Amino acid sequence: MRAKPEYRDRPDTQVAVLDALGDRPEDGMTVFELRSRVDADIDHLEDALAELKADALIEVTRDGERTVFSPQSGVVGEHEPTDEESLVDVIRRRFSL
């Protein structure tokens, strides 16, 4: 799943975090898991997480020793290509080609 269109106008790192979290909305991800999925240094990742938390787009919970980030309900959803967007365009965008 990907961030819904209304959240895609945010900075690239924030959108990448939302997209990564959309793959595991129920389980969430730790900061280490996010670092492996998001192409950003730790400072940009931390800034993105802080902004998303401040804007109530993600939820932060403690799971024993771990801190887990999850998307808020309604922030991510299935992304269907539009008629204006070809499958090649979707693949290019998804893999940053």
PDB file of N, CA and C in Angstrom:
ATOM      1  N   MET A   1       0.845  -1.177   0.000  1.00  0.00           N
ATOM      2  CA  MET A   1       0.000   0.000   0.000  1.00  0.00           C
ATOM      3  C   MET A   1       0.888   1.237   0.000  1.00  0.00           C
ATOM      4  N   ARG A   2       0.313   2.300  -0.456  1.00  0.00           N
ATOM      5  CA  ARG A   2       1.055   3.547  -0.542  1.00  0.00           C
ATOM      6  C   ARG A   2       0.275   4.641   0.163  1.00  0.00           C
ATOM      7  N   ALA A   3       0.977   5.736   0.424  1.00  0.00           N
ATOM      8  CA  ALA A   3       0.310   6.896   1.001  1.00  0.00           C
ATOM      9  C   ALA A   3      -0.764   7.369   0.035  1.00  0.00           C
ATOM     10  N   LYS A   4      -1.902   7.752   0.578  1.00  0.00           N
ATOM     11  CA  LYS A   4      -2.990   8.241  -0.265  1.00  0.00           C
ATOM     12  C   LYS A   4      -2.562   9.525  -0.971  1.00  0.00           C
ATOM     13  N   PRO A   5      -3.169   9.836  -2.106  1.00  0.00           N
ATOM     14  CA  PRO A   5      -2.770  11.009  -2.900  1.00  0.00           C
ATOM     15  C   PRO A   5      -2.733  12.316  -2.115  1.00  0.00           C
ATOM     16  N   GLU A   6      -3.629  12.491  -1.168  1.00  0.00           N
ATOM     17  CA  GLU A   6      -3.653  13.746  -0.409  1.00  0.00           C
ATOM     18  C   GLU A   6      -2.435  13.932   0.490  1.00  0.00           C
ATOM     19  N   TYR A   7      -1.646  12.869   0.697  1.00  0.00           N
ATOM     20  CA  TYR A   7      -0.440  12.959   1.524  1.00  0.00           C
ATOM     21  C   TYR A   7       0.842  12.891   0.701  1.00  0.00           C
ATOM     22  N   ARG A   8       0.727  12.832  -0.616  1.00  0.00           N
ATOM     23  CA  ARG A   8       1.900  12.673  -1.473  1.00  0.00           C
ATOM     24  C   ARG A   8       2.596  13.997  -1.800  1.00  0.00           C
ATOM     25  N   ASP A   9       2.035  15.125  -1.367  1.00  0.00           N
ATOM     26  CA  ASP A   9       2.661  16.421  -1.637  1.00  0.00           C
ATOM     27  C   ASP A   9       3.630  16.821  -0.525  1.00  0.00           C
ATOM     28  N   ARG A  10       3.896  15.928   0.388  1.00  0.00           N
ATOM     29  CA  ARG A  10       4.823  16.181   1.482  1.00  0.00           C
ATOM     30  C   ARG A  10       6.258  15.951   0.987  1.00  0.00           C
ATOM     31  N   PRO A  11       7.272  16.327   1.776  1.00  0.00           N
ATOM     32  CA  PRO A  11       8.661  16.070   1.375  1.00  0.00           C
ATOM     33  C   PRO A  11       8.894  14.585   1.076  1.00  0.00           C
ATOM     34  N   ASP A  12       9.848  14.309   0.189  1.00  0.00           N
ATOM     35  CA  ASP A  12      10.105  12.950  -0.296  1.00  0.00           C
ATOM     36  C   ASP A  12      10.335  11.940   0.827  1.00  0.00           C
ATOM     37  N   THR A  13      11.085  12.318   1.837  1.00  0.00           N
ATOM     38  CA  THR A  13      11.375  11.375   2.921  1.00  0.00           C
ATOM     39  C   THR A  13      10.101  11.013   3.675  1.00  0.00           C
ATOM     40  N   GLN A  14       9.228  11.981   3.907  1.00  0.00           N
ATOM     41  CA  GLN A  14       7.978  11.696   4.597  1.00  0.00           C
ATOM     42  C   GLN A  14       7.097  10.757   3.776  1.00  0.00           C
ATOM     43  N   VAL A  15       7.026  10.987   2.478  1.00  0.00           N
ATOM     44  CA  VAL A  15       6.238  10.115   1.604  1.00  0.00           C
ATOM     45  C   VAL A  15       6.838   8.707   1.593  1.00  0.00           C
ATOM     46  N   ALA A  16       8.157   8.613   1.546  1.00  0.00           N
ATOM     47  CA  ALA A  16       8.814   7.302   1.562  1.00  0.00           C
ATOM     48  C   ALA A  16       8.524   6.558   2.865  1.00  0.00           C
ATOM     49  N   VAL A  17       8.501   7.269   3.980  1.00  0.00           N
ATOM     50  CA  VAL A  17       8.174   6.648   5.271  1.00  0.00           C
ATOM     51  C   VAL A  17       6.739   6.144   5.251  1.00  0.00           C
ATOM     52  N   LEU A  18       5.807   6.962   4.790  1.00  0.00           N
ATOM     53  CA  LEU A  18       4.407   6.541   4.739  1.00  0.00           C
ATOM     54  C   LEU A  18       4.233   5.334   3.817  1.00  0.00           C
ATOM     55  N   ASP A  19       4.920   5.333   2.678  1.00  0.00           N
ATOM     56  CA  ASP A  19       4.841   4.197   1.760  1.00  0.00           C
ATOM     57  C   ASP A  19       5.387   2.932   2.421  1.00  0.00           C
ATOM     58  N   ALA A  20       6.515   3.049   3.113  1.00  0.00           N
ATOM     59  CA  ALA A  20       7.106   1.886   3.786  1.00  0.00           C
ATOM     60  C   ALA A  20       6.168   1.366   4.877  1.00  0.00           C
ATOM     61  N   LEU A  21       5.604   2.271   5.658  1.00  0.00           N
ATOM     62  CA  LEU A  21       4.686   1.862   6.714  1.00  0.00           C
ATOM     63  C   LEU A  21       3.413   1.245   6.142  1.00  0.00           C
ATOM     64  N   GLY A  22       3.050   1.661   4.936  1.00  0.00           N
ATOM     65  CA  GLY A  22       1.871   1.106   4.290  1.00  0.00           C
ATOM     66  C   GLY A  22       2.011  -0.365   3.959  1.00  0.00           C
ATOM     67  N   ASP A  23       3.241  -0.854   3.852  1.00  0.00           N
ATOM     68  CA  ASP A  23       3.457  -2.267   3.591  1.00  0.00           C
ATOM     69  C   ASP A  23       3.196  -3.129   4.824  1.00  0.00           C
ATOM     70  N   ARG A  24       3.251  -2.516   6.002  1.00  0.00           N
ATOM     71  CA  ARG A  24       3.017  -3.254   7.247  1.00  0.00           C
ATOM     72  C   ARG A  24       2.181  -2.408   8.205  1.00  0.00           C
ATOM     73  N   PRO A  25       0.956  -2.061   7.819  1.00  0.00           N
ATOM     74  CA  PRO A  25       0.162  -1.145   8.634  1.00  0.00           C
ATOM     75  C   PRO A  25      -0.215  -1.684  10.010  1.00  0.00           C
ATOM     76  N   GLU A  26      -0.435  -2.991  10.134  1.00  0.00           N
ATOM     77  CA  GLU A  26      -0.827  -3.535  11.434  1.00  0.00           C
ATOM     78  C   GLU A  26       0.371  -3.754  12.350  1.00  0.00           C
ATOM     79  N   ASP A  27       1.474  -4.237  11.780  1.00  0.00           N
ATOM     80  CA  ASP A  27       2.657  -4.569  12.585  1.00  0.00           C
ATOM     81  C   ASP A  27       3.522  -3.361  12.883  1.00  0.00           C
ATOM     82  N   GLY A  28       3.532  -2.380  11.979  1.00  0.00           N
ATOM     83  CA  GLY A  28       4.404  -1.232  12.130  1.00  0.00           C
ATOM     84  C   GLY A  28       5.852  -1.596  11.852  1.00  0.00           C
ATOM     85  N   MET A  29       6.724  -0.611  12.033  1.00  0.00           N
ATOM     86  CA  MET A  29       8.149  -0.815  11.774  1.00  0.00           C
ATOM     87  C   MET A  29       8.963  -0.047  12.809  1.00  0.00           C
ATOM     88  N   THR A  30      10.133  -0.584  13.114  1.00  0.00           N
ATOM     89  CA  THR A  30      11.055   0.132  13.985  1.00  0.00           C
ATOM     90  C   THR A  30      11.848   1.119  13.132  1.00  0.00           C
ATOM     91  N   VAL A  31      12.582   1.996  13.775  1.00  0.00           N
ATOM     92  CA  VAL A  31      13.396   2.958  13.041  1.00  0.00           C
ATOM     93  C   VAL A  31      14.462   2.236  12.213  1.00  0.00           C
ATOM     94  N   PHE A  32      14.962   1.109  12.698  1.00  0.00           N
ATOM     95  CA  PHE A  32      15.961   0.347  11.951  1.00  0.00           C
ATOM     96  C   PHE A  32      15.352  -0.260  10.692  1.00  0.00           C
ATOM     97  N   GLU A  33      14.133  -0.757  10.807  1.00  0.00           N
ATOM     98  CA  GLU A  33      13.452  -1.297   9.634  1.00  0.00           C
ATOM     99  C   GLU A  33      13.158  -0.189   8.621  1.00  0.00           C
ATOM    100  N   LEU A  34      12.761   0.973   9.121  1.00  0.00           N
ATOM    101  CA  LEU A  34      12.507   2.098   8.227  1.00  0.00           C
ATOM    102  C   LEU A  34      13.784   2.544   7.526  1.00  0.00           C
ATOM    103  N   ARG A  35      14.896   2.564   8.252  1.00  0.00           N
ATOM    104  CA  ARG A  35      16.170   2.967   7.634  1.00  0.00           C
ATOM    105  C   ARG A  35      16.552   2.047   6.494  1.00  0.00           C
ATOM    106  N   SER A  36      16.190   0.785   6.582  1.00  0.00           N
ATOM    107  CA  SER A  36      16.522  -0.155   5.507  1.00  0.00           C
ATOM    108  C   SER A  36      15.606   0.022   4.296  1.00  0.00           C
ATOM    109  N   ARG A  37      14.464   0.667   4.472  1.00  0.00           N
ATOM    110  CA  ARG A  37      13.500   0.840   3.383  1.00  0.00           C
ATOM    111  C   ARG A  37      13.478   2.236   2.795  1.00  0.00           C
ATOM    112  N   VAL A  38      13.913   3.227   3.567  1.00  0.00           N
ATOM    113  CA  VAL A  38      13.842   4.623   3.132  1.00  0.00           C
ATOM    114  C   VAL A  38      15.252   5.108   2.810  1.00  0.00           C
ATOM    115  N   ASP A  39      15.411   5.679   1.636  1.00  0.00           N
ATOM    116  CA  ASP A  39      16.718   6.164   1.194  1.00  0.00           C
ATOM    117  C   ASP A  39      16.943   7.574   1.749  1.00  0.00           C
ATOM    118  N   ALA A  40      17.316   7.629   3.034  1.00  0.00           N
ATOM    119  CA  ALA A  40      17.576   8.909   3.693  1.00  0.00           C
ATOM    120  C   ALA A  40      18.511   8.661   4.867  1.00  0.00           C
ATOM    121  N   ASP A  41      19.303   9.664   5.200  1.00  0.00           N
ATOM    122  CA  ASP A  41      20.170   9.506   6.364  1.00  0.00           C
ATOM    123  C   ASP A  41      19.322   9.613   7.628  1.00  0.00           C
ATOM    124  N   ILE A  42      19.917   9.245   8.749  1.00  0.00           N
ATOM    125  CA  ILE A  42      19.175   9.169  10.008  1.00  0.00           C
ATOM    126  C   ILE A  42      18.595  10.519  10.416  1.00  0.00           C
ATOM    127  N   ASP A  43      19.303  11.611  10.150  1.00  0.00           N
ATOM    128  CA  ASP A  43      18.795  12.931  10.521  1.00  0.00           C
ATOM    129  C   ASP A  43      17.530  13.273   9.757  1.00  0.00           C
ATOM    130  N   HIS A  44      17.527  13.017   8.448  1.00  0.00           N
ATOM    131  CA  HIS A  44      16.329  13.290   7.650  1.00  0.00           C
ATOM    132  C   HIS A  44      15.184  12.361   8.038  1.00  0.00           C
ATOM    133  N   LEU A  45      15.519  11.113   8.345  1.00  0.00           N
ATOM    134  CA  LEU A  45      14.497  10.167   8.758  1.00  0.00           C
ATOM    135  C   LEU A  45      13.866  10.587  10.076  1.00  0.00           C
ATOM    136  N   GLU A  46      14.688  10.996  11.036  1.00  0.00           N
ATOM    137  CA  GLU A  46      14.160  11.454  12.322  1.00  0.00           C
ATOM    138  C   GLU A  46      13.303  12.704  12.164  1.00  0.00           C
ATOM    139  N   ASP A  47      13.737  13.631  11.312  1.00  0.00           N
ATOM    140  CA  ASP A  47      12.941  14.834  11.051  1.00  0.00           C
ATOM    141  C   ASP A  47      11.595  14.475  10.422  1.00  0.00           C
ATOM    142  N   ALA A  48      11.619  13.538   9.472  1.00  0.00           N
ATOM    143  CA  ALA A  48      10.382  13.111   8.813  1.00  0.00           C
ATOM    144  C   ALA A  48       9.432  12.465   9.816  1.00  0.00           C
ATOM    145  N   LEU A  49       9.963  11.600  10.671  1.00  0.00           N
ATOM    146  CA  LEU A  49       9.128  10.950  11.675  1.00  0.00           C
ATOM    147  C   LEU A  49       8.534  11.971  12.647  1.00  0.00           C
ATOM    148  N   ALA A  50       9.326  12.950  13.046  1.00  0.00           N
ATOM    149  CA  ALA A  50       8.826  13.985  13.956  1.00  0.00           C
ATOM    150  C   ALA A  50       7.696  14.792  13.312  1.00  0.00           C
ATOM    151  N   GLU A  51       7.865  15.161  12.050  1.00  0.00           N
ATOM    152  CA  GLU A  51       6.822  15.921  11.343  1.00  0.00           C
ATOM    153  C   GLU A  51       5.551  15.096  11.167  1.00  0.00           C
ATOM    154  N   LEU A  52       5.714  13.840  10.775  1.00  0.00           N
ATOM    155  CA  LEU A  52       4.547  12.971  10.595  1.00  0.00           C
ATOM    156  C   LEU A  52       3.813  12.757  11.907  1.00  0.00           C
ATOM    157  N   LYS A  53       4.553  12.616  12.998  1.00  0.00           N
ATOM    158  CA  LYS A  53       3.935  12.467  14.324  1.00  0.00           C
ATOM    159  C   LYS A  53       3.214  13.749  14.725  1.00  0.00           C
ATOM    160  N   ALA A  54       3.853  14.888  14.499  1.00  0.00           N
ATOM    161  CA  ALA A  54       3.240  16.178  14.852  1.00  0.00           C
ATOM    162  C   ALA A  54       1.958  16.428  14.059  1.00  0.00           C
ATOM    163  N   ASP A  55       1.919  15.930  12.822  1.00  0.00           N
ATOM    164  CA  ASP A  55       0.740  16.107  11.972  1.00  0.00           C
ATOM    165  C   ASP A  55      -0.266  14.972  12.136  1.00  0.00           C
ATOM    166  N   ALA A  56      -0.043  14.097  13.119  1.00  0.00           N
ATOM    167  CA  ALA A  56      -0.940  12.984  13.450  1.00  0.00           C
ATOM    168  C   ALA A  56      -1.151  12.028  12.278  1.00  0.00           C
ATOM    169  N   LEU A  57      -0.100  11.788  11.496  1.00  0.00           N
ATOM    170  CA  LEU A  57      -0.194  10.844  10.381  1.00  0.00           C
ATOM    171  C   LEU A  57       0.381   9.477  10.733  1.00  0.00           C
ATOM    172  N   ILE A  58       1.166   9.420  11.811  1.00  0.00           N
ATOM    173  CA  ILE A  58       1.692   8.146  12.286  1.00  0.00           C
ATOM    174  C   ILE A  58       1.447   8.025  13.778  1.00  0.00           C
ATOM    175  N   GLU A  59       1.481   6.798  14.235  1.00  0.00           N
ATOM    176  CA  GLU A  59       1.330   6.498  15.651  1.00  0.00           C
ATOM    177  C   GLU A  59       2.627   5.874  16.134  1.00  0.00           C
ATOM    178  N   VAL A  60       3.066   6.240  17.311  1.00  0.00           N
ATOM    179  CA  VAL A  60       4.297   5.713  17.886  1.00  0.00           C
ATOM    180  C   VAL A  60       3.930   4.965  19.163  1.00  0.00           C
ATOM    181  N   THR A  61       4.313   3.697  19.231  1.00  0.00           N
ATOM    182  CA  THR A  61       4.022   2.881  20.409  1.00  0.00           C
ATOM    183  C   THR A  61       5.281   2.169  20.871  1.00  0.00           C
ATOM    184  N   ARG A  62       5.289   1.816  22.150  1.00  0.00           N
ATOM    185  CA  ARG A  62       6.383   1.032  22.714  1.00  0.00           C
ATOM    186  C   ARG A  62       5.925  -0.415  22.764  1.00  0.00           C
ATOM    187  N   ASP A  63       6.733  -1.295  22.205  1.00  0.00           N
ATOM    188  CA  ASP A  63       6.443  -2.723  22.184  1.00  0.00           C
ATOM    189  C   ASP A  63       7.586  -3.411  22.930  1.00  0.00           C
ATOM    190  N   GLY A  64       7.469  -3.435  24.233  1.00  0.00           N
ATOM    191  CA  GLY A  64       8.563  -3.970  25.045  1.00  0.00           C
ATOM    192  C   GLY A  64       9.763  -3.053  24.963  1.00  0.00           C
ATOM    193  N   GLU A  65      10.833  -3.526  24.405  1.00  0.00           N
ATOM    194  CA  GLU A  65      12.070  -2.760  24.262  1.00  0.00           C
ATOM    195  C   GLU A  65      12.086  -1.911  22.990  1.00  0.00           C
ATOM    196  N   ARG A  66      11.134  -2.159  22.084  1.00  0.00           N
ATOM    197  CA  ARG A  66      11.145  -1.511  20.766  1.00  0.00           C
ATOM    198  C   ARG A  66      10.159  -0.354  20.685  1.00  0.00           C
ATOM    199  N   THR A  67      10.513   0.626  19.875  1.00  0.00           N
ATOM    200  CA  THR A  67       9.589   1.697  19.512  1.00  0.00           C
ATOM    201  C   THR A  67       9.113   1.392  18.099  1.00  0.00           C
ATOM    202  N   VAL A  68       7.791   1.333  17.925  1.00  0.00           N
ATOM    203  CA  VAL A  68       7.207   0.926  16.654  1.00  0.00           C
ATOM    204  C   VAL A  68       6.387   2.075  16.084  1.00  0.00           C
ATOM    205  N   PHE A  69       6.595   2.332  14.782  1.00  0.00           N
ATOM    206  CA  PHE A  69       5.871   3.379  14.066  1.00  0.00           C
ATOM    207  C   PHE A  69       4.838   2.711  13.163  1.00  0.00           C
ATOM    208  N   SER A  70       3.612   3.230  13.175  1.00  0.00           N
ATOM    209  CA  SER A  70       2.526   2.709  12.352  1.00  0.00           C
ATOM    210  C   SER A  70       1.783   3.885  11.726  1.00  0.00           C
ATOM    211  N   PRO A  71       1.209   3.681  10.536  1.00  0.00           N
ATOM    212  CA  PRO A  71       0.417   4.766   9.945  1.00  0.00           C
ATOM    213  C   PRO A  71      -0.928   4.882  10.650  1.00  0.00           C
ATOM    214  N   GLN A  72      -1.420   6.084  10.777  1.00  0.00           N
ATOM    215  CA  GLN A  72      -2.769   6.278  11.318  1.00  0.00           C
ATOM    216  C   GLN A  72      -3.779   5.725  10.323  1.00  0.00           C
ATOM    217  N   SER A  73      -4.913   5.361  10.799  1.00  0.00           N
ATOM    218  CA  SER A  73      -5.975   4.844   9.947  1.00  0.00           C
ATOM    219  C   SER A  73      -6.347   5.870   8.880  1.00  0.00           C
ATOM    220  N   GLY A  74      -6.452   5.429   7.643  1.00  0.00           N
ATOM    221  CA  GLY A  74      -6.860   6.308   6.555  1.00  0.00           C
ATOM    222  C   GLY A  74      -5.739   7.051   5.855  1.00  0.00           C
ATOM    223  N   VAL A  75      -4.491   6.848   6.281  1.00  0.00           N
ATOM    224  CA  VAL A  75      -3.375   7.562   5.670  1.00  0.00           C
ATOM    225  C   VAL A  75      -2.823   6.798   4.463  1.00  0.00           C
ATOM    226  N   VAL A  76      -2.858   5.472   4.523  1.00  0.00           N
ATOM    227  CA  VAL A  76      -2.367   4.662   3.408  1.00  0.00           C
ATOM    228  C   VAL A  76      -3.524   3.867   2.824  1.00  0.00           C
ATOM    229  N   GLY A  77      -3.385   3.518   1.568  1.00  0.00           N
ATOM    230  CA  GLY A  77      -4.397   2.726   0.884  1.00  0.00           C
ATOM    231  C   GLY A  77      -3.832   2.158  -0.388  1.00  0.00           C
ATOM    232  N   GLU A  78      -4.606   1.343  -1.030  1.00  0.00           N
ATOM    233  CA  GLU A  78      -4.177   0.752  -2.297  1.00  0.00           C
ATOM    234  C   GLU A  78      -3.991   1.851  -3.329  1.00  0.00           C
ATOM    235  N   HIS A  79      -2.941   1.709  -4.115  1.00  0.00           N
ATOM    236  CA  HIS A  79      -2.698   2.675  -5.190  1.00  0.00           C
ATOM    237  C   HIS A  79      -3.000   2.003  -6.509  1.00  0.00           C
ATOM    238  N   GLU A  80      -3.980   2.514  -7.192  1.00  0.00           N
ATOM    239  CA  GLU A  80      -4.344   2.002  -8.500  1.00  0.00           C
ATOM    240  C   GLU A  80      -3.870   2.983  -9.547  1.00  0.00           C
ATOM    241  N   PRO A  81      -3.227   2.507 -10.619  1.00  0.00           N
ATOM    242  CA  PRO A  81      -2.817   3.420 -11.674  1.00  0.00           C
ATOM    243  C   PRO A  81      -4.037   4.056 -12.335  1.00  0.00           C
ATOM    244  N   THR A  82      -3.928   5.322 -12.643  1.00  0.00           N
ATOM    245  CA  THR A  82      -5.011   6.011 -13.336  1.00  0.00           C
ATOM    246  C   THR A  82      -4.862   5.804 -14.826  1.00  0.00           C
ATOM    247  N   ASP A  83      -5.882   6.183 -15.586  1.00  0.00           N
ATOM    248  CA  ASP A  83      -5.808   6.063 -17.046  1.00  0.00           C
ATOM    249  C   ASP A  83      -4.648   6.877 -17.601  1.00  0.00           C
ATOM    250  N   GLU A  84      -4.300   7.974 -16.938  1.00  0.00           N
ATOM    251  CA  GLU A  84      -3.232   8.846 -17.405  1.00  0.00           C
ATOM    252  C   GLU A  84      -1.852   8.294 -17.065  1.00  0.00           C
ATOM    253  N   GLU A  85      -1.803   7.293 -16.220  1.00  0.00           N
ATOM    254  CA  GLU A  85      -0.544   6.771 -15.721  1.00  0.00           C
ATOM    255  C   GLU A  85      -0.366   5.337 -16.213  1.00  0.00           C
ATOM    256  N   SER A  86       0.680   5.085 -16.976  1.00  0.00           N
ATOM    257  CA  SER A  86       0.911   3.747 -17.502  1.00  0.00           C
ATOM    258  C   SER A  86       1.561   2.869 -16.435  1.00  0.00           C
ATOM    259  N   LEU A  87       1.551   1.586 -16.680  1.00  0.00           N
ATOM    260  CA  LEU A  87       2.202   0.651 -15.766  1.00  0.00           C
ATOM    261  C   LEU A  87       3.688   0.959 -15.652  1.00  0.00           C
ATOM    262  N   VAL A  88       4.307   1.344 -16.752  1.00  0.00           N
ATOM    263  CA  VAL A  88       5.735   1.709 -16.741  1.00  0.00           C
ATOM    264  C   VAL A  88       5.954   2.915 -15.831  1.00  0.00           C
ATOM    265  N   ASP A  89       5.061   3.906 -15.881  1.00  0.00           N
ATOM    266  CA  ASP A  89       5.181   5.079 -15.007  1.00  0.00           C
ATOM    267  C   ASP A  89       5.074   4.680 -13.539  1.00  0.00           C
ATOM    268  N   VAL A  90       4.162   3.769 -13.229  1.00  0.00           N
ATOM    269  CA  VAL A  90       3.999   3.306 -11.852  1.00  0.00           C
ATOM    270  C   VAL A  90       5.272   2.617 -11.369  1.00  0.00           C
ATOM    271  N   ILE A  91       5.847   1.758 -12.225  1.00  0.00           N
ATOM    272  CA  ILE A  91       7.076   1.053 -11.857  1.00  0.00           C
ATOM    273  C   ILE A  91       8.227   2.036 -11.698  1.00  0.00           C
ATOM    274  N   ARG A  92       8.347   2.989 -12.595  1.00  0.00           N
ATOM    275  CA  ARG A  92       9.415   3.989 -12.473  1.00  0.00           C
ATOM    276  C   ARG A  92       9.293   4.764 -11.171  1.00  0.00           C
ATOM    277  N   ARG A  93       8.078   5.192 -10.835  1.00  0.00           N
ATOM    278  CA  ARG A  93       7.877   5.963  -9.620  1.00  0.00           C
ATOM    279  C   ARG A  93       8.168   5.099  -8.400  1.00  0.00           C
ATOM    280  N   ARG A  94       7.695   3.870  -8.414  1.00  0.00           N
ATOM    281  CA  ARG A  94       7.854   2.971  -7.271  1.00  0.00           C
ATOM    282  C   ARG A  94       9.328   2.680  -6.968  1.00  0.00           C
ATOM    283  N   PHE A  95      10.103   2.497  -8.031  1.00  0.00           N
ATOM    284  CA  PHE A  95      11.513   2.147  -7.855  1.00  0.00           C
ATOM    285  C   PHE A  95      12.460   3.308  -8.120  1.00  0.00           C
ATOM    286  N   SER A  96      11.913   4.500  -8.192  1.00  0.00           N
ATOM    287  CA  SER A  96      12.705   5.735  -8.389  1.00  0.00           C
ATOM    288  C   SER A  96      13.651   5.632  -9.572  1.00  0.00           C
ATOM    289  N   LEU A  97      13.138   5.179 -10.701  1.00  0.00           N
ATOM    290  CA  LEU A  97      13.966   5.069 -11.907  1.00  0.00           C
ATOM    291  C   LEU A  97      13.835   6.298 -12.760  1.00  0.00           C
TER     292      LEU A  97
END
